[in-house]
């Protein structure tokens, strides 16, 4: 080890000059039977950071078995990314070999994508090879390249997809003491939204959608996919998430949505509270939080529509400072507030 250390030190000093030798790292030889994969990110002038996943190791450029995606990832997107590669078949288990822990690999990919988004100074980063086996995952080598230190922060690349807005996550209690978490919607919420729509009365559906919208239409996968998987730059959908303390299961009690208009700094809003938790102050609190989000998002106005006979909604928004505009022969009332 002494000879190796001095040999490396002399080589670095010869090639790079005195003062560039920063020492060596020593680690044990890995004896793990598994698969070598690569997980990385590089900068694209148009899209910003782009993620890469695929077969790794010394032959990464030979096999060229890889998939690309934009950060940040969630577990669903991470699995879809894996499924695009040939190595995925082996990871599930082949020729009698045990499958690797795909859930743990999903979590690793999600955390890696969050690192890329949260650290804009990273220009390139890759773990290659990442050794994965049924028992463990181990990074055998890694590389990080940063943007030049004199790069202005305003010029650092931004991700093409806005990260999950964690700043809008907070807790609150209903009048009956039930605790909920207000948070932006996630793609994984689709099953909970199906259960949410099963709990709605015909009256609530009529007031929200201005007509009778059948349950099969409301819970159609194609529709809920668009509702749950959104671009946070264009929409903010806030859900009230309640965790049952006995079963540990989560349920959505209310949904509020703001959609930004293309033509002006204005957003159109809509709110829906499940019948069992109405008259608990939930709708009012949800609206107040959406108004504050509108201000945080630099919007100038919020606008929404409610049916003339929906007196409860009109009273709620009036208390919050909205102006009501009624037009003769129009069944809808326009509600606006300047932010």
Foldseek 3Di string as FASTA:
>chain_A
DVVVQVVVVVVCCVPPNPPPDPGDDDDDDDDDDFFWKKWKWAQDPVFGIKIKIAGFDPCCVVVVFIFIDFDQDALVVLVVRLVSGPCSVVQCPDPNFHHADSSVVSVVSNVVRVVCQVDLQWRMKMQGTFGTGNVDTHRPDMDTDGDDPPDPPVPRDHGNADDAPPVLWDWDAFQVGFIWIKGWAAQVCLVQVLVLLVQADQVLVCFQVVDRDDSCRSSPPVVVNDVRDDRVLFKTKIWTWGQDPVPRDIHTFKIKMWGADPPALETEIGIGGRPVRPPRCPRLVVVVSVVVVSVVSVGFKYKYKTFPPPVVVVVSLVVVPWDWDDDPPDRIIMTMDTD
